[in-house]
Amino acid sequence: MAWWAIVLRQETAHSLGVAFGLLAATLGTCVIAMVAWTSYNIRLARKAVRRQSNRPVTIRWERDTLGRRLELPAGDVACTAPEVRVVLKDGVKAYIAVDAEEL
């Protein structure tokens, strides 16, 4: 607090007026921009048709993120297997479920 007292004593009334004027202009600009953006979004929401649910997304497990083909075990074998090995053969990523006997 004492630091502000020292700083404010060194400044002139004109420079303080300019500083507070710029601060007020910045704050006013922000308020105007927020009001405009909010009213724009409200107008969009009133025009749009409300959806009852999200669009269904089908997940295709055909390729990985690098574009390699995937070979997955049938059914839920990979979910219940104690170990799943990932092997890359000839550019194909194969997921092999290992039985408990092989461990």
PDB file of N, CA and C in Angstrom:
ATOM      1  N   MET A   1       0.821  -1.188   0.000  1.00  0.00           N
ATOM      2  CA  MET A   1       0.000   0.000   0.000  1.00  0.00           C
ATOM      3  C   MET A   1       0.866   1.252   0.000  1.00  0.00           C
ATOM      4  N   ALA A   2       1.935   1.212   0.768  1.00  0.00           N
ATOM      5  CA  ALA A   2       2.816   2.372   0.835  1.00  0.00           C
ATOM      6  C   ALA A   2       3.468   2.614  -0.524  1.00  0.00           C
ATOM      7  N   TRP A   3       3.737   1.541  -1.263  1.00  0.00           N
ATOM      8  CA  TRP A   3       4.346   1.691  -2.584  1.00  0.00           C
ATOM      9  C   TRP A   3       3.425   2.469  -3.511  1.00  0.00           C
ATOM     10  N   TRP A   4       2.121   2.168  -3.472  1.00  0.00           N
ATOM     11  CA  TRP A   4       1.169   2.898  -4.305  1.00  0.00           C
ATOM     12  C   TRP A   4       1.122   4.377  -3.922  1.00  0.00           C
ATOM     13  N   ALA A   5       1.245   4.670  -2.648  1.00  0.00           N
ATOM     14  CA  ALA A   5       1.242   6.070  -2.206  1.00  0.00           C
ATOM     15  C   ALA A   5       2.435   6.811  -2.793  1.00  0.00           C
ATOM     16  N   ILE A   6       3.596   6.158  -2.823  1.00  0.00           N
ATOM     17  CA  ILE A   6       4.794   6.777  -3.404  1.00  0.00           C
ATOM     18  C   ILE A   6       4.597   6.990  -4.901  1.00  0.00           C
ATOM     19  N   VAL A   7       4.093   5.984  -5.595  1.00  0.00           N
ATOM     20  CA  VAL A   7       3.908   6.072  -7.046  1.00  0.00           C
ATOM     21  C   VAL A   7       2.883   7.144  -7.398  1.00  0.00           C
ATOM     22  N   LEU A   8       1.754   7.157  -6.709  1.00  0.00           N
ATOM     23  CA  LEU A   8       0.694   8.115  -7.027  1.00  0.00           C
ATOM     24  C   LEU A   8       1.127   9.558  -6.749  1.00  0.00           C
ATOM     25  N   ARG A   9       1.994   9.771  -5.760  1.00  0.00           N
ATOM     26  CA  ARG A   9       2.478  11.127  -5.485  1.00  0.00           C
ATOM     27  C   ARG A   9       3.380  11.630  -6.602  1.00  0.00           C
ATOM     28  N   GLN A  10       4.072  10.707  -7.276  1.00  0.00           N
ATOM     29  CA  GLN A  10       5.000  11.116  -8.329  1.00  0.00           C
ATOM     30  C   GLN A  10       4.297  11.393  -9.654  1.00  0.00           C
ATOM     31  N   GLU A  11       3.098  10.899  -9.831  1.00  0.00           N
ATOM     32  CA  GLU A  11       2.371  11.067 -11.090  1.00  0.00           C
ATOM     33  C   GLU A  11       1.554  12.355 -11.074  1.00  0.00           C
ATOM     34  N   THR A  12       1.346  12.883 -12.285  1.00  0.00           N
ATOM     35  CA  THR A  12       0.517  14.082 -12.409  1.00  0.00           C
ATOM     36  C   THR A  12      -0.942  13.672 -12.570  1.00  0.00           C
ATOM     37  N   ALA A  13      -1.817  14.639 -12.370  1.00  0.00           N
ATOM     38  CA  ALA A  13      -3.253  14.363 -12.500  1.00  0.00           C
ATOM     39  C   ALA A  13      -3.588  13.997 -13.940  1.00  0.00           C
ATOM     40  N   HIS A  14      -2.899  14.599 -14.890  1.00  0.00           N
ATOM     41  CA  HIS A  14      -3.150  14.312 -16.309  1.00  0.00           C
ATOM     42  C   HIS A  14      -2.771  12.857 -16.647  1.00  0.00           C
ATOM     43  N   SER A  15      -1.595  12.408 -16.192  1.00  0.00           N
ATOM     44  CA  SER A  15      -1.181  11.032 -16.499  1.00  0.00           C
ATOM     45  C   SER A  15      -2.079  10.004 -15.810  1.00  0.00           C
ATOM     46  N   LEU A  16      -2.522  10.320 -14.598  1.00  0.00           N
ATOM     47  CA  LEU A  16      -3.464   9.410 -13.926  1.00  0.00           C
ATOM     48  C   LEU A  16      -4.796   9.368 -14.671  1.00  0.00           C
ATOM     49  N   GLY A  17      -5.233  10.524 -15.161  1.00  0.00           N
ATOM     50  CA  GLY A  17      -6.474  10.570 -15.940  1.00  0.00           C
ATOM     51  C   GLY A  17      -6.365   9.750 -17.209  1.00  0.00           C
ATOM     52  N   VAL A  18      -5.206   9.860 -17.882  1.00  0.00           N
ATOM     53  CA  VAL A  18      -4.989   9.069 -19.102  1.00  0.00           C
ATOM     54  C   VAL A  18      -4.981   7.578 -18.773  1.00  0.00           C
ATOM     55  N   ALA A  19      -4.285   7.204 -17.699  1.00  0.00           N
ATOM     56  CA  ALA A  19      -4.192   5.793 -17.325  1.00  0.00           C
ATOM     57  C   ALA A  19      -5.569   5.228 -16.972  1.00  0.00           C
ATOM     58  N   PHE A  20      -6.317   5.938 -16.138  1.00  0.00           N
ATOM     59  CA  PHE A  20      -7.654   5.451 -15.774  1.00  0.00           C
ATOM     60  C   PHE A  20      -8.612   5.499 -16.961  1.00  0.00           C
ATOM     61  N   GLY A  21      -8.416   6.480 -17.857  1.00  0.00           N
ATOM     62  CA  GLY A  21      -9.239   6.538 -19.069  1.00  0.00           C
ATOM     63  C   GLY A  21      -8.992   5.335 -19.967  1.00  0.00           C
ATOM     64  N   LEU A  22      -7.710   4.969 -20.152  1.00  0.00           N
ATOM     65  CA  LEU A  22      -7.392   3.776 -20.943  1.00  0.00           C
ATOM     66  C   LEU A  22      -7.928   2.514 -20.289  1.00  0.00           C
ATOM     67  N   LEU A  23      -7.822   2.439 -18.965  1.00  0.00           N
ATOM     68  CA  LEU A  23      -8.365   1.288 -18.242  1.00  0.00           C
ATOM     69  C   LEU A  23      -9.878   1.190 -18.418  1.00  0.00           C
ATOM     70  N   ALA A  24     -10.566   2.315 -18.316  1.00  0.00           N
ATOM     71  CA  ALA A  24     -12.018   2.333 -18.492  1.00  0.00           C
ATOM     72  C   ALA A  24     -12.398   1.982 -19.934  1.00  0.00           C
ATOM     73  N   ALA A  25     -11.623   2.479 -20.915  1.00  0.00           N
ATOM     74  CA  ALA A  25     -11.902   2.164 -22.324  1.00  0.00           C
ATOM     75  C   ALA A  25     -11.712   0.671 -22.598  1.00  0.00           C
ATOM     76  N   THR A  26     -10.667   0.093 -22.019  1.00  0.00           N
ATOM     77  CA  THR A  26     -10.426  -1.343 -22.188  1.00  0.00           C
ATOM     78  C   THR A  26     -11.542  -2.160 -21.559  1.00  0.00           C
ATOM     79  N   LEU A  27     -11.932  -1.786 -20.365  1.00  0.00           N
ATOM     80  CA  LEU A  27     -13.019  -2.486 -19.682  1.00  0.00           C
ATOM     81  C   LEU A  27     -14.332  -2.346 -20.460  1.00  0.00           C
ATOM     82  N   GLY A  28     -14.616  -1.142 -20.959  1.00  0.00           N
ATOM     83  CA  GLY A  28     -15.833  -0.930 -21.752  1.00  0.00           C
ATOM     84  C   GLY A  28     -15.827  -1.750 -23.035  1.00  0.00           C
ATOM     85  N   THR A  29     -14.667  -1.823 -23.705  1.00  0.00           N
ATOM     86  CA  THR A  29     -14.554  -2.620 -24.927  1.00  0.00           C
ATOM     87  C   THR A  29     -14.814  -4.089 -24.641  1.00  0.00           C
ATOM     88  N   CYS A  30     -14.251  -4.574 -23.534  1.00  0.00           N
ATOM     89  CA  CYS A  30     -14.473  -5.983 -23.159  1.00  0.00           C
ATOM     90  C   CYS A  30     -15.951  -6.256 -22.871  1.00  0.00           C
ATOM     91  N   VAL A  31     -16.597  -5.345 -22.165  1.00  0.00           N
ATOM     92  CA  VAL A  31     -18.021  -5.528 -21.848  1.00  0.00           C
ATOM     93  C   VAL A  31     -18.859  -5.528 -23.121  1.00  0.00           C
ATOM     94  N   ILE A  32     -18.570  -4.599 -24.035  1.00  0.00           N
ATOM     95  CA  ILE A  32     -19.323  -4.536 -25.298  1.00  0.00           C
ATOM     96  C   ILE A  32     -19.104  -5.812 -26.116  1.00  0.00           C
ATOM     97  N   ALA A  33     -17.859  -6.289 -26.170  1.00  0.00           N
ATOM     98  CA  ALA A  33     -17.568  -7.514 -26.926  1.00  0.00           C
ATOM     99  C   ALA A  33     -18.277  -8.721 -26.314  1.00  0.00           C
ATOM    100  N   MET A  34     -18.287  -8.830 -24.975  1.00  0.00           N
ATOM    101  CA  MET A  34     -18.967  -9.958 -24.327  1.00  0.00           C
ATOM    102  C   MET A  34     -20.476  -9.915 -24.552  1.00  0.00           C
ATOM    103  N   VAL A  35     -21.069  -8.728 -24.483  1.00  0.00           N
ATOM    104  CA  VAL A  35     -22.513  -8.594 -24.713  1.00  0.00           C
ATOM    105  C   VAL A  35     -22.845  -8.968 -26.154  1.00  0.00           C
ATOM    106  N   ALA A  36     -22.020  -8.495 -27.098  1.00  0.00           N
ATOM    107  CA  ALA A  36     -22.267  -8.819 -28.510  1.00  0.00           C
ATOM    108  C   ALA A  36     -22.127 -10.320 -28.760  1.00  0.00           C
ATOM    109  N   TRP A  37     -21.091 -10.941 -28.219  1.00  0.00           N
ATOM    110  CA  TRP A  37     -20.871 -12.380 -28.408  1.00  0.00           C
ATOM    111  C   TRP A  37     -21.988 -13.206 -27.769  1.00  0.00           C
ATOM    112  N   THR A  38     -22.411 -12.808 -26.577  1.00  0.00           N
ATOM    113  CA  THR A  38     -23.489 -13.522 -25.896  1.00  0.00           C
ATOM    114  C   THR A  38     -24.801 -13.402 -26.651  1.00  0.00           C
ATOM    115  N   SER A  39     -25.120 -12.216 -27.123  1.00  0.00           N
ATOM    116  CA  SER A  39     -26.374 -12.057 -27.874  1.00  0.00           C
ATOM    117  C   SER A  39     -26.316 -12.822 -29.193  1.00  0.00           C
ATOM    118  N   TYR A  40     -25.157 -12.866 -29.832  1.00  0.00           N
ATOM    119  CA  TYR A  40     -24.990 -13.660 -31.059  1.00  0.00           C
ATOM    120  C   TYR A  40     -25.248 -15.143 -30.774  1.00  0.00           C
ATOM    121  N   ASN A  41     -24.672 -15.661 -29.688  1.00  0.00           N
ATOM    122  CA  ASN A  41     -24.885 -17.070 -29.342  1.00  0.00           C
ATOM    123  C   ASN A  41     -26.339 -17.355 -28.974  1.00  0.00           C
ATOM    124  N   ILE A  42     -26.989 -16.421 -28.311  1.00  0.00           N
ATOM    125  CA  ILE A  42     -28.404 -16.611 -27.961  1.00  0.00           C
ATOM    126  C   ILE A  42     -29.255 -16.647 -29.227  1.00  0.00           C
ATOM    127  N   ARG A  43     -28.960 -15.761 -30.197  1.00  0.00           N
ATOM    128  CA  ARG A  43     -29.698 -15.786 -31.470  1.00  0.00           C
ATOM    129  C   ARG A  43     -29.490 -17.103 -32.192  1.00  0.00           C
ATOM    130  N   LEU A  44     -28.260 -17.601 -32.207  1.00  0.00           N
ATOM    131  CA  LEU A  44     -27.992 -18.894 -32.847  1.00  0.00           C
ATOM    132  C   LEU A  44     -28.769 -20.019 -32.159  1.00  0.00           C
ATOM    133  N   ALA A  45     -28.790 -19.995 -30.839  1.00  0.00           N
ATOM    134  CA  ALA A  45     -29.476 -21.055 -30.092  1.00  0.00           C
ATOM    135  C   ALA A  45     -30.979 -21.021 -30.339  1.00  0.00           C
ATOM    136  N   ARG A  46     -31.549 -19.845 -30.509  1.00  0.00           N
ATOM    137  CA  ARG A  46     -32.997 -19.754 -30.769  1.00  0.00           C
ATOM    138  C   ARG A  46     -33.349 -20.254 -32.163  1.00  0.00           C
ATOM    139  N   LYS A  47     -32.474 -20.052 -33.131  1.00  0.00           N
ATOM    140  CA  LYS A  47     -32.736 -20.479 -34.501  1.00  0.00           C
ATOM    141  C   LYS A  47     -32.525 -21.977 -34.695  1.00  0.00           C
ATOM    142  N   ALA A  48     -31.611 -22.543 -33.927  1.00  0.00           N
ATOM    143  CA  ALA A  48     -31.232 -23.952 -34.126  1.00  0.00           C
ATOM    144  C   ALA A  48     -32.316 -24.892 -33.613  1.00  0.00           C
ATOM    145  N   VAL A  49     -32.388 -26.038 -34.257  1.00  0.00           N
ATOM    146  CA  VAL A  49     -33.302 -27.086 -33.824  1.00  0.00           C
ATOM    147  C   VAL A  49     -32.609 -27.875 -32.717  1.00  0.00           C
ATOM    148  N   ARG A  50     -33.309 -28.094 -31.648  1.00  0.00           N
ATOM    149  CA  ARG A  50     -32.726 -28.826 -30.518  1.00  0.00           C
ATOM    150  C   ARG A  50     -32.619 -30.305 -30.851  1.00  0.00           C
ATOM    151  N   ARG A  51     -31.470 -30.874 -30.533  1.00  0.00           N
ATOM    152  CA  ARG A  51     -31.279 -32.315 -30.723  1.00  0.00           C
ATOM    153  C   ARG A  51     -31.637 -33.036 -29.437  1.00  0.00           C
ATOM    154  N   GLN A  52     -32.170 -34.220 -29.584  1.00  0.00           N
ATOM    155  CA  GLN A  52     -32.536 -35.010 -28.415  1.00  0.00           C
ATOM    156  C   GLN A  52     -31.356 -35.823 -27.895  1.00  0.00           C
ATOM    157  N   SER A  53     -30.404 -36.110 -28.779  1.00  0.00           N
ATOM    158  CA  SER A  53     -29.224 -36.878 -28.372  1.00  0.00           C
ATOM    159  C   SER A  53     -28.099 -36.591 -29.355  1.00  0.00           C
ATOM    160  N   ASN A  54     -26.943 -37.074 -29.027  1.00  0.00           N
ATOM    161  CA  ASN A  54     -25.806 -36.919 -29.925  1.00  0.00           C
ATOM    162  C   ASN A  54     -25.945 -37.856 -31.108  1.00  0.00           C
ATOM    163  N   ARG A  55     -25.287 -37.487 -32.183  1.00  0.00           N
ATOM    164  CA  ARG A  55     -25.299 -38.364 -33.349  1.00  0.00           C
ATOM    165  C   ARG A  55     -24.541 -39.637 -33.032  1.00  0.00           C
ATOM    166  N   PRO A  56     -25.061 -40.769 -33.494  1.00  0.00           N
ATOM    167  CA  PRO A  56     -24.336 -42.019 -33.220  1.00  0.00           C
ATOM    168  C   PRO A  56     -23.030 -42.071 -34.005  1.00  0.00           C
ATOM    169  N   VAL A  57     -21.986 -42.503 -33.342  1.00  0.00           N
ATOM    170  CA  VAL A  57     -20.677 -42.617 -33.973  1.00  0.00           C
ATOM    171  C   VAL A  57     -20.304 -44.090 -34.006  1.00  0.00           C
ATOM    172  N   THR A  58     -20.047 -44.585 -35.194  1.00  0.00           N
ATOM    173  CA  THR A  58     -19.624 -45.976 -35.311  1.00  0.00           C
ATOM    174  C   THR A  58     -18.100 -46.015 -35.330  1.00  0.00           C
ATOM    175  N   ILE A  59     -17.544 -46.834 -34.479  1.00  0.00           N
ATOM    176  CA  ILE A  59     -16.095 -46.961 -34.399  1.00  0.00           C
ATOM    177  C   ILE A  59     -15.676 -48.134 -35.268  1.00  0.00           C
ATOM    178  N   ARG A  60     -14.796 -47.852 -36.201  1.00  0.00           N
ATOM    179  CA  ARG A  60     -14.297 -48.908 -37.082  1.00  0.00           C
ATOM    180  C   ARG A  60     -12.892 -49.267 -36.646  1.00  0.00           C
ATOM    181  N   TRP A  61     -12.714 -50.513 -36.278  1.00  0.00           N
ATOM    182  CA  TRP A  61     -11.399 -50.988 -35.847  1.00  0.00           C
ATOM    183  C   TRP A  61     -10.725 -51.679 -37.025  1.00  0.00           C
ATOM    184  N   GLU A  62     -10.495 -50.921 -38.096  1.00  0.00           N
ATOM    185  CA  GLU A  62      -9.868 -51.498 -39.281  1.00  0.00           C
ATOM    186  C   GLU A  62      -8.398 -51.126 -39.377  1.00  0.00           C
ATOM    187  N   ARG A  63      -8.062 -49.887 -38.975  1.00  0.00           N
ATOM    188  CA  ARG A  63      -6.683 -49.409 -39.089  1.00  0.00           C
ATOM    189  C   ARG A  63      -6.300 -48.639 -37.835  1.00  0.00           C
ATOM    190  N   ASP A  64      -4.981 -48.625 -37.536  1.00  0.00           N
ATOM    191  CA  ASP A  64      -4.520 -47.841 -36.398  1.00  0.00           C
ATOM    192  C   ASP A  64      -4.240 -46.413 -36.854  1.00  0.00           C
ATOM    193  N   THR A  65      -3.680 -45.602 -35.971  1.00  0.00           N
ATOM    194  CA  THR A  65      -3.482 -44.190 -36.296  1.00  0.00           C
ATOM    195  C   THR A  65      -2.418 -43.977 -37.358  1.00  0.00           C
ATOM    196  N   LEU A  66      -1.561 -44.975 -37.586  1.00  0.00           N
ATOM    197  CA  LEU A  66      -0.547 -44.866 -38.631  1.00  0.00           C
ATOM    198  C   LEU A  66      -1.006 -45.466 -39.944  1.00  0.00           C
ATOM    199  N   GLY A  67      -2.246 -45.967 -39.987  1.00  0.00           N
ATOM    200  CA  GLY A  67      -2.802 -46.508 -41.225  1.00  0.00           C
ATOM    201  C   GLY A  67      -2.539 -47.990 -41.437  1.00  0.00           C
ATOM    202  N   ARG A  68      -1.951 -48.669 -40.442  1.00  0.00           N
ATOM    203  CA  ARG A  68      -1.704 -50.105 -40.591  1.00  0.00           C
ATOM    204  C   ARG A  68      -2.986 -50.877 -40.337  1.00  0.00           C
ATOM    205  N   ARG A  69      -3.172 -51.963 -41.115  1.00  0.00           N
ATOM    206  CA  ARG A  69      -4.348 -52.806 -40.932  1.00  0.00           C
ATOM    207  C   ARG A  69      -4.278 -53.514 -39.591  1.00  0.00           C
ATOM    208  N   LEU A  70      -5.438 -53.762 -38.980  1.00  0.00           N
ATOM    209  CA  LEU A  70      -5.508 -54.430 -37.684  1.00  0.00           C
ATOM    210  C   LEU A  70      -6.128 -55.809 -37.834  1.00  0.00           C
ATOM    211  N   GLU A  71      -5.558 -56.769 -37.128  1.00  0.00           N
ATOM    212  CA  GLU A  71      -6.164 -58.102 -36.995  1.00  0.00           C
ATOM    213  C   GLU A  71      -6.508 -58.278 -35.531  1.00  0.00           C
ATOM    214  N   LEU A  72      -7.800 -58.337 -35.251  1.00  0.00           N
ATOM    215  CA  LEU A  72      -8.259 -58.451 -33.867  1.00  0.00           C
ATOM    216  C   LEU A  72      -8.811 -59.841 -33.614  1.00  0.00           C
ATOM    217  N   PRO A  73      -8.665 -60.359 -32.387  1.00  0.00           N
ATOM    218  CA  PRO A  73      -9.256 -61.659 -32.068  1.00  0.00           C
ATOM    219  C   PRO A  73     -10.783 -61.576 -32.100  1.00  0.00           C
ATOM    220  N   ALA A  74     -11.407 -62.683 -32.349  1.00  0.00           N
ATOM    221  CA  ALA A  74     -12.872 -62.721 -32.456  1.00  0.00           C
ATOM    222  C   ALA A  74     -13.517 -62.500 -31.091  1.00  0.00           C
ATOM    223  N   GLY A  75     -14.638 -61.799 -31.106  1.00  0.00           N
ATOM    224  CA  GLY A  75     -15.450 -61.622 -29.897  1.00  0.00           C
ATOM    225  C   GLY A  75     -14.726 -60.869 -28.793  1.00  0.00           C
ATOM    226  N   ASP A  76     -14.989 -61.307 -27.563  1.00  0.00           N
ATOM    227  CA  ASP A  76     -14.411 -60.654 -26.386  1.00  0.00           C
ATOM    228  C   ASP A  76     -13.179 -61.391 -25.868  1.00  0.00           C
ATOM    229  N   VAL A  77     -12.520 -62.133 -26.740  1.00  0.00           N
ATOM    230  CA  VAL A  77     -11.363 -62.916 -26.314  1.00  0.00           C
ATOM    231  C   VAL A  77     -10.273 -61.998 -25.771  1.00  0.00           C
ATOM    232  N   ALA A  78     -10.033 -60.877 -26.428  1.00  0.00           N
ATOM    233  CA  ALA A  78      -8.982 -59.957 -25.998  1.00  0.00           C
ATOM    234  C   ALA A  78      -9.322 -59.293 -24.664  1.00  0.00           C
ATOM    235  N   CYS A  79     -10.592 -59.150 -24.360  1.00  0.00           N
ATOM    236  CA  CYS A  79     -10.993 -58.507 -23.107  1.00  0.00           C
ATOM    237  C   CYS A  79     -10.787 -59.419 -21.910  1.00  0.00           C
ATOM    238  N   THR A  80     -10.917 -60.713 -22.112  1.00  0.00           N
ATOM    239  CA  THR A  80     -10.820 -61.651 -20.994  1.00  0.00           C
ATOM    240  C   THR A  80      -9.480 -62.372 -20.929  1.00  0.00           C
ATOM    241  N   ALA A  81      -8.639 -62.208 -21.920  1.00  0.00           N
ATOM    242  CA  ALA A  81      -7.346 -62.898 -21.941  1.00  0.00           C
ATOM    243  C   ALA A  81      -6.421 -62.295 -20.887  1.00  0.00           C
ATOM    244  N   PRO A  82      -5.621 -63.140 -20.226  1.00  0.00           N
ATOM    245  CA  PRO A  82      -4.692 -62.609 -19.227  1.00  0.00           C
ATOM    246  C   PRO A  82      -3.572 -61.774 -19.856  1.00  0.00           C
ATOM    247  N   GLU A  83      -3.267 -62.041 -21.118  1.00  0.00           N
ATOM    248  CA  GLU A  83      -2.228 -61.278 -21.811  1.00  0.00           C
ATOM    249  C   GLU A  83      -2.589 -61.173 -23.281  1.00  0.00           C
ATOM    250  N   VAL A  84      -2.359 -60.010 -23.851  1.00  0.00           N
ATOM    251  CA  VAL A  84      -2.577 -59.795 -25.279  1.00  0.00           C
ATOM    252  C   VAL A  84      -1.268 -59.282 -25.855  1.00  0.00           C
ATOM    253  N   ARG A  85      -0.757 -59.976 -26.834  1.00  0.00           N
ATOM    254  CA  ARG A  85       0.491 -59.572 -27.477  1.00  0.00           C
ATOM    255  C   ARG A  85       0.173 -58.858 -28.779  1.00  0.00           C
ATOM    256  N   VAL A  86       0.929 -57.822 -29.052  1.00  0.00           N
ATOM    257  CA  VAL A  86       0.765 -57.073 -30.295  1.00  0.00           C
ATOM    258  C   VAL A  86       1.980 -57.376 -31.169  1.00  0.00           C
ATOM    259  N   VAL A  87       1.703 -57.944 -32.332  1.00  0.00           N
ATOM    260  CA  VAL A  87       2.767 -58.362 -33.237  1.00  0.00           C
ATOM    261  C   VAL A  87       2.567 -57.666 -34.576  1.00  0.00           C
ATOM    262  N   LEU A  88       3.651 -57.159 -35.147  1.00  0.00           N
ATOM    263  CA  LEU A  88       3.593 -56.497 -36.442  1.00  0.00           C
ATOM    264  C   LEU A  88       4.192 -57.442 -37.475  1.00  0.00           C
ATOM    265  N   LYS A  89       3.332 -57.941 -38.396  1.00  0.00           N
ATOM    266  CA  LYS A  89       3.813 -58.818 -39.456  1.00  0.00           C
ATOM    267  C   LYS A  89       3.341 -58.289 -40.795  1.00  0.00           C
ATOM    268  N   ASP A  90       4.300 -58.065 -41.673  1.00  0.00           N
ATOM    269  CA  ASP A  90       4.028 -57.601 -43.039  1.00  0.00           C
ATOM    270  C   ASP A  90       3.128 -56.367 -43.066  1.00  0.00           C
ATOM    271  N   GLY A  91       3.350 -55.436 -42.161  1.00  0.00           N
ATOM    272  CA  GLY A  91       2.581 -54.203 -42.138  1.00  0.00           C
ATOM    273  C   GLY A  91       1.197 -54.349 -41.535  1.00  0.00           C
ATOM    274  N   VAL A  92       0.898 -55.506 -40.962  1.00  0.00           N
ATOM    275  CA  VAL A  92      -0.397 -55.748 -40.314  1.00  0.00           C
ATOM    276  C   VAL A  92      -0.159 -55.871 -38.816  1.00  0.00           C
ATOM    277  N   LYS A  93      -0.907 -55.130 -38.037  1.00  0.00           N
ATOM    278  CA  LYS A  93      -0.788 -55.155 -36.582  1.00  0.00           C
ATOM    279  C   LYS A  93      -1.764 -56.200 -36.050  1.00  0.00           C
ATOM    280  N   ALA A  94      -1.223 -57.284 -35.523  1.00  0.00           N
ATOM    281  CA  ALA A  94      -2.060 -58.393 -35.056  1.00  0.00           C
ATOM    282  C   ALA A  94      -2.071 -58.423 -33.532  1.00  0.00           C
ATOM    283  N   TYR A  95      -3.260 -58.525 -32.970  1.00  0.00           N
ATOM    284  CA  TYR A  95      -3.440 -58.666 -31.533  1.00  0.00           C
ATOM    285  C   TYR A  95      -3.701 -60.139 -31.262  1.00  0.00           C
ATOM    286  N   ILE A  96      -2.802 -60.761 -30.504  1.00  0.00           N
ATOM    287  CA  ILE A  96      -2.896 -62.203 -30.259  1.00  0.00           C
ATOM    288  C   ILE A  96      -3.177 -62.402 -28.769  1.00  0.00           C
ATOM    289  N   ALA A  97      -4.305 -63.054 -28.466  1.00  0.00           N
ATOM    290  CA  ALA A  97      -4.668 -63.352 -27.079  1.00  0.00           C
ATOM    291  C   ALA A  97      -3.908 -64.590 -26.650  1.00  0.00           C
ATOM    292  N   VAL A  98      -3.189 -64.471 -25.525  1.00  0.00           N
ATOM    293  CA  VAL A  98      -2.377 -65.587 -25.027  1.00  0.00           C
ATOM    294  C   VAL A  98      -3.180 -66.303 -23.960  1.00  0.00           C
ATOM    295  N   ASP A  99      -3.216 -67.619 -24.036  1.00  0.00           N
ATOM    296  CA  ASP A  99      -3.912 -68.420 -23.031  1.00  0.00           C
ATOM    297  C   ASP A  99      -3.094 -68.427 -21.732  1.00  0.00           C
ATOM    298  N   ALA A 100      -3.766 -68.738 -20.633  1.00  0.00           N
ATOM    299  CA  ALA A 100      -3.107 -68.816 -19.342  1.00  0.00           C
ATOM    300  C   ALA A 100      -2.065 -69.938 -19.318  1.00  0.00           C
ATOM    301  N   GLU A 101      -2.258 -70.981 -20.132  1.00  0.00           N
ATOM    302  CA  GLU A 101      -1.326 -72.108 -20.164  1.00  0.00           C
ATOM    303  C   GLU A 101       0.019 -71.712 -20.775  1.00  0.00           C
ATOM    304  N   GLU A 102       0.019 -70.758 -21.704  1.00  0.00           N
ATOM    305  CA  GLU A 102       1.251 -70.344 -22.379  1.00  0.00           C
ATOM    306  C   GLU A 102       2.086 -69.410 -21.531  1.00  0.00           C
ATOM    307  N   LEU A 103       1.514 -68.844 -20.483  1.00  0.00           N
ATOM    308  CA  LEU A 103       2.263 -67.916 -19.641  1.00  0.00           C
ATOM    309  C   LEU A 103       3.196 -68.702 -18.835  1.00  0.00           C
TER     310      LEU A 103
END
